[in-house]
Amino acid sequence: MAYQFPAVGHKYLVDFTADDGSGQFKVQLDFHSATSLTYTGVKPDGTLGDQPETVDITVEPIRDQLYLVTWKEQLGTTVVHLEDYTNNTIITSITDPNTKDPTKPTFSKYHGTMTQTS
């Protein structure tokens, strides 16, 4: 059965916390289509950061209201989301390139709660 990706045309505020407790961050996800997303960091005061990036995304339905969403950013960071629209949660794994030693990229995993804002 084909599922329609529910995020299209909506914005979400996501509050992420690292699995290892090393940090947290907030981001706004603005889904233009099932193939395009703009993410923007959110400052501690709740305002949007000044470096949004629009990326091409791939969306793969897992089951009703659960999607695997992936993309690669301009600087080489790769992002994998497991987005659960039933529970309003996202699990993300992020691999960042290491400019000093390309054989040792950094890897982090976060759990987040998402709130639809538009």
N, C-alpha and C. Protein backbone atom coordinates (compact mmCIF):
# COMPACT_ATOMS: atom_id res chain seq x y z
N MET A 1 0.84 -1.19 0.00
CA MET A 1 0.00 0.00 0.00
C MET A 1 0.88 1.25 0.00
N ALA A 2 0.56 2.21 -0.84
CA ALA A 2 1.33 3.45 -0.92
C ALA A 2 0.83 4.43 0.14
N TYR A 3 1.77 5.07 0.80
CA TYR A 3 1.44 6.06 1.82
C TYR A 3 1.82 7.44 1.32
N GLN A 4 1.00 8.43 1.62
CA GLN A 4 1.32 9.81 1.26
C GLN A 4 2.13 10.44 2.40
N PHE A 5 3.30 10.99 2.08
CA PHE A 5 4.17 11.59 3.08
C PHE A 5 3.47 12.79 3.71
N PRO A 6 3.16 12.74 5.02
CA PRO A 6 2.33 13.77 5.65
C PRO A 6 3.02 15.11 5.89
N ALA A 7 4.33 15.16 5.77
CA ALA A 7 5.06 16.39 6.10
C ALA A 7 5.00 17.45 5.00
N VAL A 8 4.69 17.04 3.78
CA VAL A 8 4.73 17.96 2.64
C VAL A 8 3.83 19.18 2.91
N GLY A 9 4.43 20.37 2.73
CA GLY A 9 3.71 21.62 2.93
C GLY A 9 3.65 22.09 4.36
N HIS A 10 4.37 21.40 5.25
CA HIS A 10 4.35 21.75 6.67
C HIS A 10 5.74 22.06 7.20
N LYS A 11 5.77 22.77 8.33
CA LYS A 11 7.00 23.05 9.06
C LYS A 11 6.89 22.38 10.43
N TYR A 12 8.03 21.92 10.91
CA TYR A 12 8.10 21.26 12.21
C TYR A 12 9.27 21.83 13.01
N LEU A 13 9.05 22.02 14.28
CA LEU A 13 10.11 22.35 15.22
C LEU A 13 10.50 21.04 15.89
N VAL A 14 11.79 20.72 15.82
CA VAL A 14 12.26 19.45 16.40
C VAL A 14 13.30 19.75 17.46
N ASP A 15 13.12 19.15 18.62
CA ASP A 15 14.02 19.30 19.76
C ASP A 15 14.77 17.99 19.93
N PHE A 16 16.07 17.97 19.55
CA PHE A 16 16.88 16.75 19.57
C PHE A 16 17.78 16.70 20.81
N THR A 17 17.97 15.50 21.34
CA THR A 17 18.91 15.25 22.43
C THR A 17 19.78 14.06 22.02
N ALA A 18 21.09 14.20 22.22
CA ALA A 18 22.03 13.13 21.87
C ALA A 18 21.80 11.91 22.75
N ASP A 19 21.92 10.75 22.14
CA ASP A 19 21.75 9.50 22.88
C ASP A 19 22.75 9.36 24.01
N ASP A 20 23.97 9.88 23.81
CA ASP A 20 25.00 9.75 24.84
C ASP A 20 24.98 10.91 25.84
N GLY A 21 23.98 11.80 25.72
CA GLY A 21 23.85 12.91 26.65
C GLY A 21 24.81 14.06 26.38
N SER A 22 25.53 14.01 25.25
CA SER A 22 26.57 15.00 24.99
C SER A 22 26.04 16.34 24.48
N GLY A 23 24.79 16.42 24.16
CA GLY A 23 24.29 17.70 23.69
C GLY A 23 22.88 17.63 23.15
N GLN A 24 22.41 18.79 22.78
CA GLN A 24 21.08 18.87 22.19
C GLN A 24 21.04 20.06 21.25
N PHE A 25 20.06 20.06 20.36
CA PHE A 25 19.87 21.18 19.45
C PHE A 25 18.44 21.17 18.97
N LYS A 26 18.03 22.33 18.44
CA LYS A 26 16.70 22.47 17.85
C LYS A 26 16.85 22.87 16.40
N VAL A 27 15.90 22.41 15.61
CA VAL A 27 15.92 22.70 14.19
C VAL A 27 14.49 22.84 13.68
N GLN A 28 14.34 23.69 12.66
CA GLN A 28 13.06 23.76 11.97
C GLN A 28 13.21 23.00 10.65
N LEU A 29 12.27 22.11 10.38
CA LEU A 29 12.23 21.38 9.12
C LEU A 29 11.05 21.89 8.32
N ASP A 30 11.31 22.38 7.12
CA ASP A 30 10.28 22.92 6.24
C ASP A 30 10.24 22.04 4.99
N PHE A 31 9.21 21.19 4.91
CA PHE A 31 9.09 20.23 3.82
C PHE A 31 8.35 20.87 2.64
N HIS A 32 9.09 21.17 1.56
CA HIS A 32 8.50 21.77 0.37
C HIS A 32 7.76 20.73 -0.46
N SER A 33 8.32 19.53 -0.50
CA SER A 33 7.76 18.43 -1.28
C SER A 33 8.32 17.13 -0.71
N ALA A 34 8.01 16.03 -1.36
CA ALA A 34 8.56 14.74 -0.92
C ALA A 34 10.02 14.57 -1.37
N THR A 35 10.56 15.61 -2.04
CA THR A 35 11.95 15.54 -2.49
C THR A 35 12.78 16.76 -2.08
N SER A 36 12.18 17.71 -1.33
CA SER A 36 12.90 18.93 -0.96
C SER A 36 12.54 19.39 0.45
N LEU A 37 13.57 19.75 1.19
CA LEU A 37 13.42 20.16 2.58
C LEU A 37 14.41 21.29 2.85
N THR A 38 13.97 22.30 3.62
CA THR A 38 14.89 23.31 4.14
C THR A 38 14.97 23.12 5.64
N TYR A 39 16.19 22.96 6.14
CA TYR A 39 16.37 22.89 7.59
C TYR A 39 17.08 24.16 8.05
N THR A 40 16.68 24.62 9.22
CA THR A 40 17.25 25.83 9.80
C THR A 40 17.47 25.59 11.28
N GLY A 41 18.66 25.87 11.77
CA GLY A 41 18.91 25.78 13.20
C GLY A 41 18.07 26.79 13.95
N VAL A 42 17.71 26.45 15.18
CA VAL A 42 16.92 27.34 16.03
C VAL A 42 17.79 27.74 17.21
N LYS A 43 17.91 29.06 17.43
CA LYS A 43 18.73 29.59 18.53
C LYS A 43 18.05 29.34 19.87
N PRO A 44 18.80 29.43 20.98
CA PRO A 44 18.22 29.22 22.31
C PRO A 44 17.03 30.14 22.61
N ASP A 45 17.02 31.34 22.00
CA ASP A 45 15.90 32.26 22.25
C ASP A 45 14.68 31.94 21.39
N GLY A 46 14.79 30.89 20.54
CA GLY A 46 13.65 30.47 19.73
C GLY A 46 13.63 31.05 18.33
N THR A 47 14.54 31.99 18.03
CA THR A 47 14.58 32.56 16.69
C THR A 47 15.35 31.63 15.76
N LEU A 48 15.07 31.77 14.47
CA LEU A 48 15.75 30.93 13.49
C LEU A 48 17.17 31.42 13.25
N GLY A 49 18.07 30.47 13.01
CA GLY A 49 19.45 30.80 12.68
C GLY A 49 19.53 31.42 11.30
N ASP A 50 20.71 31.89 10.94
CA ASP A 50 20.87 32.61 9.69
C ASP A 50 21.52 31.79 8.59
N GLN A 51 21.57 30.46 8.74
CA GLN A 51 22.19 29.63 7.71
C GLN A 51 21.30 28.44 7.35
N PRO A 52 20.10 28.71 6.81
CA PRO A 52 19.27 27.58 6.37
C PRO A 52 19.91 26.90 5.16
N GLU A 53 19.59 25.64 4.98
CA GLU A 53 20.06 24.93 3.79
C GLU A 53 18.90 24.11 3.23
N THR A 54 18.71 24.21 1.93
CA THR A 54 17.71 23.40 1.25
C THR A 54 18.43 22.20 0.65
N VAL A 55 17.88 21.02 0.90
CA VAL A 55 18.51 19.78 0.45
C VAL A 55 17.49 18.93 -0.30
N ASP A 56 18.02 18.08 -1.17
CA ASP A 56 17.20 17.07 -1.82
C ASP A 56 17.08 15.89 -0.86
N ILE A 57 15.86 15.43 -0.65
CA ILE A 57 15.64 14.32 0.28
C ILE A 57 15.09 13.11 -0.47
N THR A 58 15.29 11.96 0.15
CA THR A 58 14.67 10.72 -0.30
C THR A 58 13.77 10.25 0.82
N VAL A 59 12.54 9.94 0.49
CA VAL A 59 11.56 9.50 1.49
C VAL A 59 11.14 8.07 1.15
N GLU A 60 11.27 7.19 2.14
CA GLU A 60 10.86 5.79 1.95
C GLU A 60 9.86 5.42 3.03
N PRO A 61 8.64 5.05 2.63
CA PRO A 61 7.66 4.65 3.65
C PRO A 61 8.05 3.31 4.26
N ILE A 62 7.91 3.23 5.58
CA ILE A 62 8.18 1.99 6.30
C ILE A 62 6.85 1.29 6.64
N ARG A 63 5.96 2.06 7.18
CA ARG A 63 4.59 1.63 7.47
C ARG A 63 3.76 2.90 7.58
N ASP A 64 2.48 2.79 7.81
CA ASP A 64 1.63 3.96 7.93
C ASP A 64 2.19 4.92 8.97
N GLN A 65 2.46 6.16 8.55
CA GLN A 65 2.94 7.25 9.40
C GLN A 65 4.38 7.08 9.90
N LEU A 66 5.17 6.18 9.30
CA LEU A 66 6.58 6.00 9.65
C LEU A 66 7.40 6.03 8.36
N TYR A 67 8.40 6.94 8.31
CA TYR A 67 9.17 7.17 7.08
C TYR A 67 10.66 7.26 7.37
N LEU A 68 11.43 6.72 6.44
CA LEU A 68 12.87 6.89 6.44
C LEU A 68 13.17 8.06 5.50
N VAL A 69 13.80 9.13 6.03
CA VAL A 69 14.10 10.32 5.25
C VAL A 69 15.61 10.54 5.31
N THR A 70 16.24 10.66 4.14
CA THR A 70 17.70 10.79 4.09
C THR A 70 18.11 11.94 3.18
N TRP A 71 19.31 12.50 3.47
CA TRP A 71 19.87 13.53 2.60
C TRP A 71 21.35 13.71 2.87
N LYS A 72 21.99 14.40 1.92
CA LYS A 72 23.40 14.78 2.05
C LYS A 72 23.48 16.29 1.93
N GLU A 73 24.19 16.91 2.87
CA GLU A 73 24.31 18.36 2.91
C GLU A 73 25.49 18.85 2.06
N GLN A 74 25.50 20.14 1.79
CA GLN A 74 26.51 20.74 0.92
C GLN A 74 27.94 20.44 1.38
N LEU A 75 28.19 20.44 2.68
CA LEU A 75 29.55 20.21 3.19
C LEU A 75 29.87 18.73 3.39
N GLY A 76 28.95 17.84 2.98
CA GLY A 76 29.23 16.41 3.04
C GLY A 76 28.60 15.66 4.19
N THR A 77 27.96 16.36 5.09
CA THR A 77 27.27 15.69 6.20
C THR A 77 26.12 14.86 5.64
N THR A 78 25.98 13.63 6.13
CA THR A 78 24.85 12.80 5.74
C THR A 78 23.91 12.65 6.94
N VAL A 79 22.61 12.66 6.65
CA VAL A 79 21.60 12.62 7.70
C VAL A 79 20.58 11.53 7.36
N VAL A 80 20.25 10.74 8.36
CA VAL A 80 19.23 9.71 8.24
C VAL A 80 18.20 9.94 9.34
N HIS A 81 16.95 10.10 8.96
CA HIS A 81 15.85 10.28 9.93
C HIS A 81 14.91 9.09 9.85
N LEU A 82 14.44 8.64 10.98
CA LEU A 82 13.29 7.76 11.07
C LEU A 82 12.19 8.63 11.68
N GLU A 83 11.26 9.07 10.84
CA GLU A 83 10.25 10.04 11.25
C GLU A 83 8.91 9.34 11.51
N ASP A 84 8.45 9.44 12.74
CA ASP A 84 7.22 8.78 13.18
C ASP A 84 6.15 9.84 13.40
N TYR A 85 5.20 9.92 12.48
CA TYR A 85 4.15 10.94 12.54
C TYR A 85 2.98 10.53 13.42
N THR A 86 2.97 9.31 13.91
CA THR A 86 1.97 8.89 14.89
C THR A 86 2.37 9.38 16.28
N ASN A 87 3.65 9.24 16.61
CA ASN A 87 4.15 9.61 17.94
C ASN A 87 4.88 10.95 17.95
N ASN A 88 5.00 11.61 16.78
CA ASN A 88 5.69 12.90 16.66
C ASN A 88 7.12 12.83 17.18
N THR A 89 7.84 11.82 16.71
CA THR A 89 9.23 11.64 17.12
C THR A 89 10.11 11.42 15.89
N ILE A 90 11.39 11.74 16.06
CA ILE A 90 12.39 11.48 15.03
C ILE A 90 13.62 10.89 15.71
N ILE A 91 14.15 9.84 15.13
CA ILE A 91 15.47 9.33 15.50
C ILE A 91 16.37 9.70 14.34
N THR A 92 17.49 10.34 14.62
CA THR A 92 18.40 10.74 13.55
C THR A 92 19.82 10.24 13.82
N SER A 93 20.47 9.85 12.74
CA SER A 93 21.89 9.50 12.76
C SER A 93 22.59 10.44 11.78
N ILE A 94 23.68 11.05 12.23
CA ILE A 94 24.38 12.06 11.45
C ILE A 94 25.85 11.69 11.36
N THR A 95 26.37 11.70 10.14
CA THR A 95 27.79 11.46 9.92
C THR A 95 28.39 12.74 9.34
N ASP A 96 29.37 13.31 10.07
CA ASP A 96 30.04 14.53 9.63
C ASP A 96 31.44 14.20 9.13
N PRO A 97 31.83 14.78 7.99
CA PRO A 97 33.19 14.55 7.51
C PRO A 97 34.20 15.13 8.50
N ASN A 98 35.38 14.56 8.52
CA ASN A 98 36.47 15.03 9.37
C ASN A 98 37.52 15.62 8.43
N THR A 99 37.65 16.94 8.42
CA THR A 99 38.57 17.59 7.49
C THR A 99 40.03 17.29 7.83
N LYS A 100 40.32 17.00 9.09
CA LYS A 100 41.70 16.69 9.47
C LYS A 100 42.08 15.25 9.11
N ASP A 101 41.12 14.33 9.22
CA ASP A 101 41.37 12.94 8.88
C ASP A 101 40.12 12.35 8.24
N PRO A 102 40.04 12.40 6.91
CA PRO A 102 38.85 11.94 6.20
C PRO A 102 38.49 10.47 6.46
N THR A 103 39.43 9.69 7.00
CA THR A 103 39.12 8.29 7.29
C THR A 103 38.38 8.13 8.61
N LYS A 104 38.20 9.24 9.34
CA LYS A 104 37.55 9.17 10.66
C LYS A 104 36.43 10.20 10.78
N PRO A 105 35.33 10.01 10.04
CA PRO A 105 34.20 10.94 10.20
C PRO A 105 33.59 10.77 11.58
N THR A 106 32.89 11.81 12.04
CA THR A 106 32.22 11.70 13.34
C THR A 106 30.79 11.20 13.12
N PHE A 107 30.30 10.45 14.06
CA PHE A 107 28.96 9.87 13.98
C PHE A 107 28.22 10.19 15.26
N SER A 108 26.98 10.65 15.14
CA SER A 108 26.18 10.93 16.32
C SER A 108 24.73 10.50 16.08
N LYS A 109 24.06 10.22 17.16
CA LYS A 109 22.67 9.77 17.10
C LYS A 109 21.86 10.56 18.10
N TYR A 110 20.69 11.01 17.66
CA TYR A 110 19.82 11.84 18.50
C TYR A 110 18.38 11.33 18.43
N HIS A 111 17.66 11.57 19.50
CA HIS A 111 16.21 11.36 19.52
C HIS A 111 15.56 12.73 19.67
N GLY A 112 14.47 12.92 18.94
CA GLY A 112 13.81 14.22 19.00
C GLY A 112 12.29 14.11 19.03
N THR A 113 11.70 15.16 19.56
CA THR A 113 10.25 15.31 19.50
C THR A 113 9.95 16.43 18.53
N MET A 114 8.90 16.25 17.73
CA MET A 114 8.58 17.25 16.73
C MET A 114 7.18 17.82 16.96
N THR A 115 7.09 19.11 16.69
CA THR A 115 5.83 19.83 16.81
C THR A 115 5.55 20.52 15.49
N GLN A 116 4.40 20.25 14.90
CA GLN A 116 4.05 20.91 13.65
C GLN A 116 3.71 22.36 13.95
N THR A 117 4.35 23.29 13.21
CA THR A 117 4.13 24.72 13.45
C THR A 117 3.35 25.40 12.32
N SER A 118 3.24 24.73 11.18
CA SER A 118 2.40 25.27 10.09
C SER A 118 1.98 24.16 9.17
